[in-house]
Amino acid sequence: MRTSPLSIKRQEFNKSFRGFSAEEVHSFLEKIASEVEELQTENDSTKKQLEEANVQLAEFKRI
């Protein structure tokens, strides 16, 4: 299962006596979620370009 930006943002952790700063963890997760979202958008765009190139290639092969 792919990790989505939303699942990163909503991830929760158990608190412990000497745990991490909740604010720092939240900030880091927001940053990572943003980067994952950007990469997924870029990946989707690249896939679309590849599909279009394959269609054009198929057309050229028919000529």
C-alpha atoms as a PDB file:
ATOM      1  CA  MET A   1       0.000   0.000   0.000  1.00  0.00           C
ATOM      2  CA  ARG A   2       1.341   3.411  -0.973  1.00  0.00           C
ATOM      3  CA  THR A   3       1.905   6.014   1.665  1.00  0.00           C
ATOM      4  CA  SER A   4      -0.137   9.090   0.901  1.00  0.00           C
ATOM      5  CA  PRO A   5       0.563  12.647   1.989  1.00  0.00           C
ATOM      6  CA  LEU A   6      -2.654  12.563   4.006  1.00  0.00           C
ATOM      7  CA  SER A   7      -1.656   9.386   5.861  1.00  0.00           C
ATOM      8  CA  ILE A   8       1.676  11.008   6.724  1.00  0.00           C
ATOM      9  CA  LYS A   9      -0.046  14.118   8.051  1.00  0.00           C
ATOM     10  CA  ARG A  10      -2.466  12.044  10.130  1.00  0.00           C
ATOM     11  CA  GLN A  11       0.132   9.648  11.524  1.00  0.00           C
ATOM     12  CA  GLU A  12       0.099   9.580  15.303  1.00  0.00           C
ATOM     13  CA  PHE A  13       2.679   8.224  17.709  1.00  0.00           C
ATOM     14  CA  ASN A  14       2.472   7.027  21.270  1.00  0.00           C
ATOM     15  CA  LYS A  15       3.848   9.434  23.844  1.00  0.00           C
ATOM     16  CA  SER A  16       6.559   8.363  26.205  1.00  0.00           C
ATOM     17  CA  PHE A  17       8.326   9.907  29.137  1.00  0.00           C
ATOM     18  CA  ARG A  18      11.430  10.846  27.182  1.00  0.00           C
ATOM     19  CA  GLY A  19       9.842  10.987  23.741  1.00  0.00           C
ATOM     20  CA  PHE A  20      10.342  13.350  20.853  1.00  0.00           C
ATOM     21  CA  SER A  21       8.933  16.853  20.690  1.00  0.00           C
ATOM     22  CA  ALA A  22       5.410  16.520  19.313  1.00  0.00           C
ATOM     23  CA  GLU A  23       5.764  19.881  17.559  1.00  0.00           C
ATOM     24  CA  GLU A  24       8.985  18.837  15.813  1.00  0.00           C
ATOM     25  CA  VAL A  25       7.495  15.509  14.732  1.00  0.00           C
ATOM     26  CA  HIS A  26       4.388  17.236  13.384  1.00  0.00           C
ATOM     27  CA  SER A  27       6.488  19.784  11.501  1.00  0.00           C
ATOM     28  CA  PHE A  28       8.647  17.046   9.995  1.00  0.00           C
ATOM     29  CA  LEU A  29       5.618  14.998   8.933  1.00  0.00           C
ATOM     30  CA  GLU A  30       4.083  18.061   7.267  1.00  0.00           C
ATOM     31  CA  LYS A  31       7.316  18.629   5.343  1.00  0.00           C
ATOM     32  CA  ILE A  32       7.565  14.997   4.254  1.00  0.00           C
ATOM     33  CA  ALA A  33       3.883  14.910   3.265  1.00  0.00           C
ATOM     34  CA  SER A  34       4.386  17.975   1.096  1.00  0.00           C
ATOM     35  CA  GLU A  35       7.407  16.424  -0.608  1.00  0.00           C
ATOM     36  CA  VAL A  36       5.586  13.124  -1.195  1.00  0.00           C
ATOM     37  CA  GLU A  37       2.631  14.978  -2.691  1.00  0.00           C
ATOM     38  CA  GLU A  38       4.962  16.892  -5.026  1.00  0.00           C
ATOM     39  CA  LEU A  39       6.721  13.690  -6.095  1.00  0.00           C
ATOM     40  CA  GLN A  40       3.424  11.900  -6.715  1.00  0.00           C
ATOM     41  CA  THR A  41       2.233  14.792  -8.890  1.00  0.00           C
ATOM     42  CA  GLU A  42       5.501  14.751 -10.813  1.00  0.00           C
ATOM     43  CA  ASN A  43       5.289  10.979 -11.219  1.00  0.00           C
ATOM     44  CA  ASP A  44       1.710  11.172 -12.515  1.00  0.00           C
ATOM     45  CA  SER A  45       2.742  13.839 -15.014  1.00  0.00           C
ATOM     46  CA  THR A  46       5.678  11.747 -16.203  1.00  0.00           C
ATOM     47  CA  LYS A  47       3.436   8.703 -16.644  1.00  0.00           C
ATOM     48  CA  LYS A  48       1.019  10.770 -18.730  1.00  0.00           C
ATOM     49  CA  GLN A  49       3.864  12.049 -20.920  1.00  0.00           C
ATOM     50  CA  LEU A  50       5.097   8.486 -21.405  1.00  0.00           C
ATOM     51  CA  GLU A  51       1.635   7.310 -22.430  1.00  0.00           C
ATOM     52  CA  GLU A  52       1.380  10.154 -24.958  1.00  0.00           C
ATOM     53  CA  ALA A  53       4.833   9.339 -26.345  1.00  0.00           C
ATOM     54  CA  ASN A  54       3.855   5.676 -26.702  1.00  0.00           C
ATOM     55  CA  VAL A  55       0.717   6.665 -28.627  1.00  0.00           C
ATOM     56  CA  GLN A  56       2.788   8.833 -30.961  1.00  0.00           C
ATOM     57  CA  LEU A  57       5.313   6.043 -31.416  1.00  0.00           C
ATOM     58  CA  ALA A  58       2.554   3.603 -32.317  1.00  0.00           C
ATOM     59  CA  GLU A  59       1.232   6.087 -34.890  1.00  0.00           C
ATOM     60  CA  PHE A  60       4.684   6.487 -36.446  1.00  0.00           C
ATOM     61  CA  LYS A  61       5.122   2.726 -36.614  1.00  0.00           C
ATOM     62  CA  ARG A  62       1.879   2.453 -38.595  1.00  0.00           C
ATOM     63  CA  ILE A  63       3.172   4.889 -41.238  1.00  0.00           C
END
